[in-house]
Amino acid sequence: MLFDTHAHMDSRSFNEDRELLLRSLPEQGITLLMNPGCSLESSKKAVRLATEYAYIYAAVGSHPDAADEVNDAVLEEYRMLCKLNSKVKAIGEIGLDYHYEDIPRALQQKAFIAQLALAQELDLPVIVHERDAHEDGMAIIKQFPTVKGVFHCYSGSAQMAQELVKMGWYIGFTGVLTFKNARRAVETVQAIPIDRIVLETDCPYMSPEPFRGRRNDPGKLYRMAEKLAQIRGISTEEAARITFENGKRLYRI
């Protein structure tokens, strides 16, 4: 059993074969899947998928690239989606992304804080996207000490991950873990307790080796389990079992 804790199955990349792929995933060992939203529109799509497939759960939220849409009306829609749908298990993905800075940093921070406040109100975990914004990301989450969740597609240092784990957070690893130059990710996996690690595809992005450069999908999650097992010196089956339980605990499933 594998839990893909972050998969964008609502992406248009899956428009031609989404239904066929989703029907096949349980046979490939994917027995749980979290589909986070990146905007109000994609959050609604994620919720629809969760209502259609028993093994899929949803999160709702605006990615930093959509921070400019976050206002009181959008937050109220997220609030209602959470309250009316028992399969909505988190707020996300939300956070900060300073890599391209298409959205001003101040606006990203305002949207991040507003959505963390919503998670606090609803007592839900959060899915954090944080890229090239380590200092600001840590400072903001510390304003909400009761809010926990996962830093997905983790790109920070092992030391930062250790601090997050001490605060009660989980760390998510994608196909990057399998890359030959993934020194920082490997160091982090070695440095933190295995009961705080979750696996994700972040599909359609981040395909693992040997599929790099192709569209990713949850059926490739086994590669991350194999790599985690290799790093930690355990069997692939044990890595899958532990991360499956970690994901369930993270999302309270």
C-alpha atoms as a PDB file:
ATOM      1  CA  MET A   1       0.000   0.000   0.000  1.00  0.00           C
ATOM      2  CA  LEU A   2       1.212   3.479  -0.890  1.00  0.00           C
ATOM      3  CA  PHE A   3      -0.178   6.923  -0.028  1.00  0.00           C
ATOM      4  CA  ASP A   4       0.527   9.637  -2.601  1.00  0.00           C
ATOM      5  CA  THR A   5       0.244  12.570  -0.216  1.00  0.00           C
ATOM      6  CA  HIS A   6       0.368  15.253  -2.943  1.00  0.00           C
ATOM      7  CA  ALA A   7      -0.927  14.704  -6.470  1.00  0.00           C
ATOM      8  CA  HIS A   8      -2.558  17.223  -8.813  1.00  0.00           C
ATOM      9  CA  MET A   9      -4.930  14.876 -10.593  1.00  0.00           C
ATOM     10  CA  ASP A  10      -7.125  17.844 -11.519  1.00  0.00           C
ATOM     11  CA  SER A  11      -4.301  19.127 -13.758  1.00  0.00           C
ATOM     12  CA  ARG A  12      -5.149  19.514 -17.425  1.00  0.00           C
ATOM     13  CA  SER A  13      -2.171  17.232 -18.114  1.00  0.00           C
ATOM     14  CA  PHE A  14      -4.527  14.374 -17.218  1.00  0.00           C
ATOM     15  CA  ASN A  15      -7.532  15.533 -19.236  1.00  0.00           C
ATOM     16  CA  GLU A  16      -7.198  12.803 -21.861  1.00  0.00           C
ATOM     17  CA  ASP A  17      -6.746   9.816 -19.553  1.00  0.00           C
ATOM     18  CA  ARG A  18      -7.701  10.934 -16.026  1.00  0.00           C
ATOM     19  CA  GLU A  19     -10.566   8.504 -15.482  1.00  0.00           C
ATOM     20  CA  LEU A  20      -8.654   5.523 -16.843  1.00  0.00           C
ATOM     21  CA  LEU A  21      -5.607   6.369 -14.741  1.00  0.00           C
ATOM     22  CA  LEU A  22      -7.581   6.945 -11.529  1.00  0.00           C
ATOM     23  CA  ARG A  23      -9.408   3.640 -11.931  1.00  0.00           C
ATOM     24  CA  SER A  24      -6.069   1.838 -12.336  1.00  0.00           C
ATOM     25  CA  LEU A  25      -4.194   3.309  -9.371  1.00  0.00           C
ATOM     26  CA  PRO A  26      -5.542   1.030  -6.601  1.00  0.00           C
ATOM     27  CA  GLU A  27      -4.367  -1.953  -8.683  1.00  0.00           C
ATOM     28  CA  GLN A  28      -0.911  -0.321  -8.762  1.00  0.00           C
ATOM     29  CA  GLY A  29      -0.852  -0.117  -4.975  1.00  0.00           C
ATOM     30  CA  ILE A  30      -1.961   3.510  -4.573  1.00  0.00           C
ATOM     31  CA  THR A  31      -4.703   3.067  -1.997  1.00  0.00           C
ATOM     32  CA  LEU A  32      -4.796   6.653  -0.694  1.00  0.00           C
ATOM     33  CA  LEU A  33      -4.230   9.928  -2.518  1.00  0.00           C
ATOM     34  CA  MET A  34      -4.363  13.578  -1.464  1.00  0.00           C
ATOM     35  CA  ASN A  35      -5.269  16.085  -4.190  1.00  0.00           C
ATOM     36  CA  PRO A  36      -4.535  19.650  -3.044  1.00  0.00           C
ATOM     37  CA  GLY A  37      -5.944  22.738  -4.663  1.00  0.00           C
ATOM     38  CA  CYS A  38      -3.786  25.534  -6.068  1.00  0.00           C
ATOM     39  CA  SER A  39      -6.586  28.053  -6.617  1.00  0.00           C
ATOM     40  CA  LEU A  40     -10.294  28.321  -5.933  1.00  0.00           C
ATOM     41  CA  GLU A  41     -11.034  26.703  -9.298  1.00  0.00           C
ATOM     42  CA  SER A  42      -8.636  23.781  -8.817  1.00  0.00           C
ATOM     43  CA  SER A  43      -9.769  23.356  -5.195  1.00  0.00           C
ATOM     44  CA  LYS A  44     -13.332  22.815  -6.391  1.00  0.00           C
ATOM     45  CA  LYS A  45     -12.070  20.266  -8.923  1.00  0.00           C
ATOM     46  CA  ALA A  46     -10.110  18.494  -6.182  1.00  0.00           C
ATOM     47  CA  VAL A  47     -13.229  18.238  -4.036  1.00  0.00           C
ATOM     48  CA  ARG A  48     -15.206  16.809  -6.958  1.00  0.00           C
ATOM     49  CA  LEU A  49     -12.579  14.118  -7.523  1.00  0.00           C
ATOM     50  CA  ALA A  50     -12.637  13.257  -3.821  1.00  0.00           C
ATOM     51  CA  THR A  51     -16.394  12.759  -3.947  1.00  0.00           C
ATOM     52  CA  GLU A  52     -16.086  10.502  -7.006  1.00  0.00           C
ATOM     53  CA  TYR A  53     -13.279   8.195  -5.814  1.00  0.00           C
ATOM     54  CA  ALA A  54     -13.277   6.546  -2.406  1.00  0.00           C
ATOM     55  CA  TYR A  55      -9.478   6.567  -2.048  1.00  0.00           C
ATOM     56  CA  ILE A  56      -9.012  10.260  -2.931  1.00  0.00           C
ATOM     57  CA  TYR A  57      -9.056  13.112  -0.404  1.00  0.00           C
ATOM     58  CA  ALA A  58      -8.849  16.838  -1.057  1.00  0.00           C
ATOM     59  CA  ALA A  59      -7.279  20.002   0.280  1.00  0.00           C
ATOM     60  CA  VAL A  60      -8.392  23.514  -0.626  1.00  0.00           C
ATOM     61  CA  GLY A  61      -6.283  26.626  -0.890  1.00  0.00           C
ATOM     62  CA  SER A  62      -4.457  29.128  -3.083  1.00  0.00           C
ATOM     63  CA  HIS A  63      -0.843  28.493  -4.093  1.00  0.00           C
ATOM     64  CA  PRO A  64       1.491  31.515  -3.837  1.00  0.00           C
ATOM     65  CA  ASP A  65       1.163  31.889  -7.623  1.00  0.00           C
ATOM     66  CA  ALA A  66      -2.551  32.528  -7.015  1.00  0.00           C
ATOM     67  CA  ALA A  67      -2.088  34.700  -3.924  1.00  0.00           C
ATOM     68  CA  ASP A  68      -3.693  37.650  -5.697  1.00  0.00           C
ATOM     69  CA  GLU A  69      -7.077  35.861  -5.686  1.00  0.00           C
ATOM     70  CA  VAL A  70      -7.218  35.494  -1.910  1.00  0.00           C
ATOM     71  CA  ASN A  71      -9.819  37.765  -0.345  1.00  0.00           C
ATOM     72  CA  ASP A  72     -12.657  37.426   2.158  1.00  0.00           C
ATOM     73  CA  ALA A  73     -15.017  35.946  -0.447  1.00  0.00           C
ATOM     74  CA  VAL A  74     -12.529  33.271  -1.528  1.00  0.00           C
ATOM     75  CA  LEU A  75     -11.708  32.437   2.081  1.00  0.00           C
ATOM     76  CA  GLU A  76     -15.420  31.995   2.771  1.00  0.00           C
ATOM     77  CA  GLU A  77     -15.706  29.591  -0.156  1.00  0.00           C
ATOM     78  CA  TYR A  78     -12.802  27.585   1.259  1.00  0.00           C
ATOM     79  CA  ARG A  79     -14.466  27.635   4.673  1.00  0.00           C
ATOM     80  CA  MET A  80     -17.696  26.240   3.243  1.00  0.00           C
ATOM     81  CA  LEU A  81     -15.901  23.593   1.160  1.00  0.00           C
ATOM     82  CA  CYS A  82     -14.235  22.369   4.354  1.00  0.00           C
ATOM     83  CA  LYS A  83     -17.374  22.408   6.449  1.00  0.00           C
ATOM     84  CA  LEU A  84     -19.635  20.748   3.881  1.00  0.00           C
ATOM     85  CA  ASN A  85     -17.277  18.009   2.646  1.00  0.00           C
ATOM     86  CA  SER A  86     -15.901  15.444   5.068  1.00  0.00           C
ATOM     87  CA  LYS A  87     -13.218  14.420   2.559  1.00  0.00           C
ATOM     88  CA  VAL A  88     -11.563  17.844   2.651  1.00  0.00           C
ATOM     89  CA  LYS A  89      -8.740  17.182   5.099  1.00  0.00           C
ATOM     90  CA  ALA A  90      -6.386  20.165   4.818  1.00  0.00           C
ATOM     91  CA  ILE A  91      -5.803  23.732   3.673  1.00  0.00           C
ATOM     92  CA  GLY A  92      -3.361  23.785   0.793  1.00  0.00           C
ATOM     93  CA  GLU A  93      -1.319  24.126  -1.020  1.00  0.00           C
ATOM     94  CA  ILE A  94      -0.432  27.512   0.405  1.00  0.00           C
ATOM     95  CA  GLY A  95       2.828  29.259   1.142  1.00  0.00           C
ATOM     96  CA  LEU A  96       5.572  31.365  -0.396  1.00  0.00           C
ATOM     97  CA  ASP A  97       7.500  31.124  -3.657  1.00  0.00           C
ATOM     98  CA  TYR A  98      10.186  33.731  -4.256  1.00  0.00           C
ATOM     99  CA  HIS A  99      11.806  31.939  -7.204  1.00  0.00           C
ATOM    100  CA  TYR A 100      10.159  33.951  -9.985  1.00  0.00           C
ATOM    101  CA  GLU A 101       8.364  36.580  -7.878  1.00  0.00           C
ATOM    102  CA  ASP A 102       5.515  37.007 -10.347  1.00  0.00           C
ATOM    103  CA  ILE A 103       3.384  37.804  -7.294  1.00  0.00           C
ATOM    104  CA  PRO A 104       4.834  40.435  -4.916  1.00  0.00           C
ATOM    105  CA  ARG A 105       6.249  38.991  -1.708  1.00  0.00           C
ATOM    106  CA  ALA A 106       4.013  41.132   0.504  1.00  0.00           C
ATOM    107  CA  LEU A 107       0.922  39.809  -1.276  1.00  0.00           C
ATOM    108  CA  GLN A 108       2.116  36.203  -0.964  1.00  0.00           C
ATOM    109  CA  GLN A 109       2.728  36.696   2.735  1.00  0.00           C
ATOM    110  CA  LYS A 110      -0.714  38.236   3.283  1.00  0.00           C
ATOM    111  CA  ALA A 111      -2.425  35.302   1.518  1.00  0.00           C
ATOM    112  CA  PHE A 112      -0.322  32.752   3.418  1.00  0.00           C
ATOM    113  CA  ILE A 113      -1.170  34.319   6.768  1.00  0.00           C
ATOM    114  CA  ALA A 114      -4.884  34.528   5.928  1.00  0.00           C
ATOM    115  CA  GLN A 115      -5.018  30.845   4.975  1.00  0.00           C
ATOM    116  CA  LEU A 116      -3.047  29.755   8.030  1.00  0.00           C
ATOM    117  CA  ALA A 117      -5.591  31.663  10.106  1.00  0.00           C
ATOM    118  CA  LEU A 118      -8.367  29.737   8.354  1.00  0.00           C
ATOM    119  CA  ALA A 119      -6.635  26.442   9.118  1.00  0.00           C
ATOM    120  CA  GLN A 120      -6.321  27.492  12.739  1.00  0.00           C
ATOM    121  CA  GLU A 121     -10.017  28.374  12.870  1.00  0.00           C
ATOM    122  CA  LEU A 122     -11.052  25.041  11.345  1.00  0.00           C
ATOM    123  CA  ASP A 123      -8.432  22.954  13.178  1.00  0.00           C
ATOM    124  CA  LEU A 124      -7.051  21.540   9.928  1.00  0.00           C
ATOM    125  CA  PRO A 125      -3.476  20.723   8.876  1.00  0.00           C
ATOM    126  CA  VAL A 126      -1.865  22.698   6.083  1.00  0.00           C
ATOM    127  CA  ILE A 127       0.140  21.808   2.994  1.00  0.00           C
ATOM    128  CA  VAL A 128       2.947  24.328   2.586  1.00  0.00           C
ATOM    129  CA  HIS A 129       4.687  25.169  -0.671  1.00  0.00           C
ATOM    130  CA  GLU A 130       7.895  27.033   0.192  1.00  0.00           C
ATOM    131  CA  ARG A 131      10.553  27.818  -2.390  1.00  0.00           C
ATOM    132  CA  ASP A 132      13.496  30.176  -1.888  1.00  0.00           C
ATOM    133  CA  ALA A 133      11.651  31.715   1.068  1.00  0.00           C
ATOM    134  CA  HIS A 134      12.969  29.714   4.010  1.00  0.00           C
ATOM    135  CA  GLU A 135      13.400  32.574   6.490  1.00  0.00           C
ATOM    136  CA  ASP A 136      10.030  34.196   5.837  1.00  0.00           C
ATOM    137  CA  GLY A 137       8.246  30.838   5.701  1.00  0.00           C
ATOM    138  CA  MET A 138       9.557  29.809   9.107  1.00  0.00           C
ATOM    139  CA  ALA A 139       8.790  33.203  10.627  1.00  0.00           C
ATOM    140  CA  ILE A 140       5.182  33.098   9.433  1.00  0.00           C
ATOM    141  CA  ILE A 141       4.356  29.562  10.570  1.00  0.00           C
ATOM    142  CA  LYS A 142       5.737  30.410  13.998  1.00  0.00           C
ATOM    143  CA  GLN A 143       2.937  32.983  14.267  1.00  0.00           C
ATOM    144  CA  PHE A 144       0.522  30.009  14.290  1.00  0.00           C
ATOM    145  CA  PRO A 145       1.995  27.524  16.773  1.00  0.00           C
ATOM    146  CA  THR A 146      -1.145  25.364  16.877  1.00  0.00           C
ATOM    147  CA  VAL A 147      -1.205  24.873  13.095  1.00  0.00           C
ATOM    148  CA  LYS A 148       0.767  21.879  11.813  1.00  0.00           C
ATOM    149  CA  GLY A 149       1.041  20.091   8.508  1.00  0.00           C
ATOM    150  CA  VAL A 150       3.607  19.270   5.855  1.00  0.00           C
ATOM    151  CA  PHE A 151       6.276  21.156   3.948  1.00  0.00           C
ATOM    152  CA  HIS A 152       5.744  19.432   0.633  1.00  0.00           C
ATOM    153  CA  CYS A 153       8.413  18.942  -2.051  1.00  0.00           C
ATOM    154  CA  TYR A 154      10.891  19.915   0.627  1.00  0.00           C
ATOM    155  CA  SER A 155      13.857  21.994  -0.569  1.00  0.00           C
ATOM    156  CA  GLY A 156      15.333  23.360   2.653  1.00  0.00           C
ATOM    157  CA  SER A 157      18.282  22.200   4.705  1.00  0.00           C
ATOM    158  CA  ALA A 158      18.443  19.180   6.985  1.00  0.00           C
ATOM    159  CA  GLN A 159      18.763  21.577   9.917  1.00  0.00           C
ATOM    160  CA  MET A 160      15.573  23.412   8.988  1.00  0.00           C
ATOM    161  CA  ALA A 161      13.759  20.080   8.603  1.00  0.00           C
ATOM    162  CA  GLN A 162      14.909  19.040  12.063  1.00  0.00           C
ATOM    163  CA  GLU A 163      13.493  22.278  13.471  1.00  0.00           C
ATOM    164  CA  LEU A 164      10.183  21.714  11.679  1.00  0.00           C
ATOM    165  CA  VAL A 165       9.941  18.153  12.985  1.00  0.00           C
ATOM    166  CA  LYS A 166      10.537  19.378  16.532  1.00  0.00           C
ATOM    167  CA  MET A 167       7.613  21.760  15.994  1.00  0.00           C
ATOM    168  CA  GLY A 168       5.369  18.866  14.957  1.00  0.00           C
ATOM    169  CA  TRP A 169       5.548  19.137  11.166  1.00  0.00           C
ATOM    170  CA  TYR A 170       5.972  16.479   8.463  1.00  0.00           C
ATOM    171  CA  ILE A 171       8.379  16.646   5.518  1.00  0.00           C
ATOM    172  CA  GLY A 172       7.300  15.570   2.016  1.00  0.00           C
ATOM    173  CA  PHE A 173       9.665  14.135  -0.596  1.00  0.00           C
ATOM    174  CA  THR A 174       9.065  13.883  -4.349  1.00  0.00           C
ATOM    175  CA  GLY A 175      10.896  12.256  -7.223  1.00  0.00           C
ATOM    176  CA  VAL A 176      13.754  14.694  -6.568  1.00  0.00           C
ATOM    177  CA  LEU A 177      14.869  12.183  -3.938  1.00  0.00           C
ATOM    178  CA  THR A 178      15.841   9.798  -6.752  1.00  0.00           C
ATOM    179  CA  PHE A 179      17.935  12.336  -8.702  1.00  0.00           C
ATOM    180  CA  LYS A 180      21.685  11.781  -8.837  1.00  0.00           C
ATOM    181  CA  ASN A 181      22.337  15.326  -7.591  1.00  0.00           C
ATOM    182  CA  ALA A 182      19.801  15.152  -4.734  1.00  0.00           C
ATOM    183  CA  ARG A 183      22.409  15.552  -1.994  1.00  0.00           C
ATOM    184  CA  ARG A 184      20.332  17.908   0.172  1.00  0.00           C
ATOM    185  CA  ALA A 185      17.210  15.730   0.025  1.00  0.00           C
ATOM    186  CA  VAL A 186      19.198  12.609   0.924  1.00  0.00           C
ATOM    187  CA  GLU A 187      20.860  14.401   3.833  1.00  0.00           C
ATOM    188  CA  THR A 188      17.445  15.467   5.119  1.00  0.00           C
ATOM    189  CA  VAL A 189      16.020  11.943   4.897  1.00  0.00           C
ATOM    190  CA  GLN A 190      19.000  10.739   6.904  1.00  0.00           C
ATOM    191  CA  ALA A 191      18.626  13.486   9.513  1.00  0.00           C
ATOM    192  CA  ILE A 192      14.959  13.322  10.522  1.00  0.00           C
ATOM    193  CA  PRO A 193      12.830  10.602  12.145  1.00  0.00           C
ATOM    194  CA  ILE A 194      11.223   8.315   9.596  1.00  0.00           C
ATOM    195  CA  ASP A 195       7.844   8.743  11.279  1.00  0.00           C
ATOM    196  CA  ARG A 196       7.826  12.351  10.001  1.00  0.00           C
ATOM    197  CA  ILE A 197       8.463  11.513   6.341  1.00  0.00           C
ATOM    198  CA  VAL A 198       5.723  11.326   3.719  1.00  0.00           C
ATOM    199  CA  LEU A 199       6.064  10.488   0.031  1.00  0.00           C
ATOM    200  CA  GLU A 200       4.447  12.321  -2.857  1.00  0.00           C
ATOM    201  CA  THR A 201       4.622  12.556  -6.612  1.00  0.00           C
ATOM    202  CA  ASP A 202       3.541  16.205  -6.971  1.00  0.00           C
ATOM    203  CA  CYS A 203       2.369  14.950 -10.342  1.00  0.00           C
ATOM    204  CA  PRO A 204       2.296  15.853 -13.150  1.00  0.00           C
ATOM    205  CA  TYR A 205       5.631  17.361 -12.090  1.00  0.00           C
ATOM    206  CA  MET A 206       8.808  15.959 -10.516  1.00  0.00           C
ATOM    207  CA  SER A 207       9.004  12.563 -12.224  1.00  0.00           C
ATOM    208  CA  PRO A 208      11.516  10.267 -10.522  1.00  0.00           C
ATOM    209  CA  GLU A 209      14.385   8.513 -12.231  1.00  0.00           C
ATOM    210  CA  PRO A 210      14.269   6.758 -14.691  1.00  0.00           C
ATOM    211  CA  PHE A 211      11.172   8.674 -15.824  1.00  0.00           C
ATOM    212  CA  ARG A 212      12.624  12.159 -15.498  1.00  0.00           C
ATOM    213  CA  GLY A 213      11.402  14.512 -18.220  1.00  0.00           C
ATOM    214  CA  ARG A 214       8.091  12.684 -18.698  1.00  0.00           C
ATOM    215  CA  ARG A 215       4.697  13.346 -17.180  1.00  0.00           C
ATOM    216  CA  ASN A 216       4.579  12.098 -13.624  1.00  0.00           C
ATOM    217  CA  ASP A 217       1.663  10.165 -12.118  1.00  0.00           C
ATOM    218  CA  PRO A 218       0.958   8.392  -8.796  1.00  0.00           C
ATOM    219  CA  GLY A 219       1.873   5.021 -10.266  1.00  0.00           C
ATOM    220  CA  LYS A 220       5.525   6.108 -10.065  1.00  0.00           C
ATOM    221  CA  LEU A 221       5.446   6.669  -6.289  1.00  0.00           C
ATOM    222  CA  TYR A 222       7.056   3.271  -5.720  1.00  0.00           C
ATOM    223  CA  ARG A 223      10.374   4.766  -6.879  1.00  0.00           C
ATOM    224  CA  MET A 224      10.388   7.164  -3.926  1.00  0.00           C
ATOM    225  CA  ALA A 225       9.612   4.282  -1.566  1.00  0.00           C
ATOM    226  CA  GLU A 226      12.504   2.301  -3.035  1.00  0.00           C
ATOM    227  CA  LYS A 227      14.899   5.220  -2.625  1.00  0.00           C
ATOM    228  CA  LEU A 228      13.758   5.931   0.937  1.00  0.00           C
ATOM    229  CA  ALA A 229      14.274   2.257   1.789  1.00  0.00           C
ATOM    230  CA  GLN A 230      17.762   2.326   0.302  1.00  0.00           C
ATOM    231  CA  ILE A 231      18.752   5.454   2.258  1.00  0.00           C
ATOM    232  CA  ARG A 232      17.375   4.211   5.572  1.00  0.00           C
ATOM    233  CA  GLY A 233      18.468   0.588   5.208  1.00  0.00           C
ATOM    234  CA  ILE A 234      15.012  -0.986   5.355  1.00  0.00           C
ATOM    235  CA  SER A 235      12.849  -2.926   2.906  1.00  0.00           C
ATOM    236  CA  THR A 236      10.722  -1.142   0.336  1.00  0.00           C
ATOM    237  CA  GLU A 237       7.648  -2.731   1.912  1.00  0.00           C
ATOM    238  CA  GLU A 238       8.569  -1.265   5.300  1.00  0.00           C
ATOM    239  CA  ALA A 239       9.183   2.176   3.786  1.00  0.00           C
ATOM    240  CA  ALA A 240       5.788   2.028   2.091  1.00  0.00           C
ATOM    241  CA  ARG A 241       4.040   0.909   5.277  1.00  0.00           C
ATOM    242  CA  ILE A 242       5.616   3.581   7.471  1.00  0.00           C
ATOM    243  CA  THR A 243       4.983   6.455   5.077  1.00  0.00           C
ATOM    244  CA  PHE A 244       1.421   5.228   4.472  1.00  0.00           C
ATOM    245  CA  GLU A 245       0.706   5.440   8.204  1.00  0.00           C
ATOM    246  CA  ASN A 246       2.484   8.789   8.421  1.00  0.00           C
ATOM    247  CA  GLY A 247       0.231  10.204   5.716  1.00  0.00           C
ATOM    248  CA  LYS A 248      -2.890   8.929   7.442  1.00  0.00           C
ATOM    249  CA  ARG A 249      -1.760  10.525  10.686  1.00  0.00           C
ATOM    250  CA  LEU A 250      -0.894  13.803   8.968  1.00  0.00           C
ATOM    251  CA  TYR A 251      -4.323  14.120   7.341  1.00  0.00           C
ATOM    252  CA  ARG A 252      -6.264  12.434  10.169  1.00  0.00           C
ATOM    253  CA  ILE A 253      -7.663   9.733   7.910  1.00  0.00           C
END
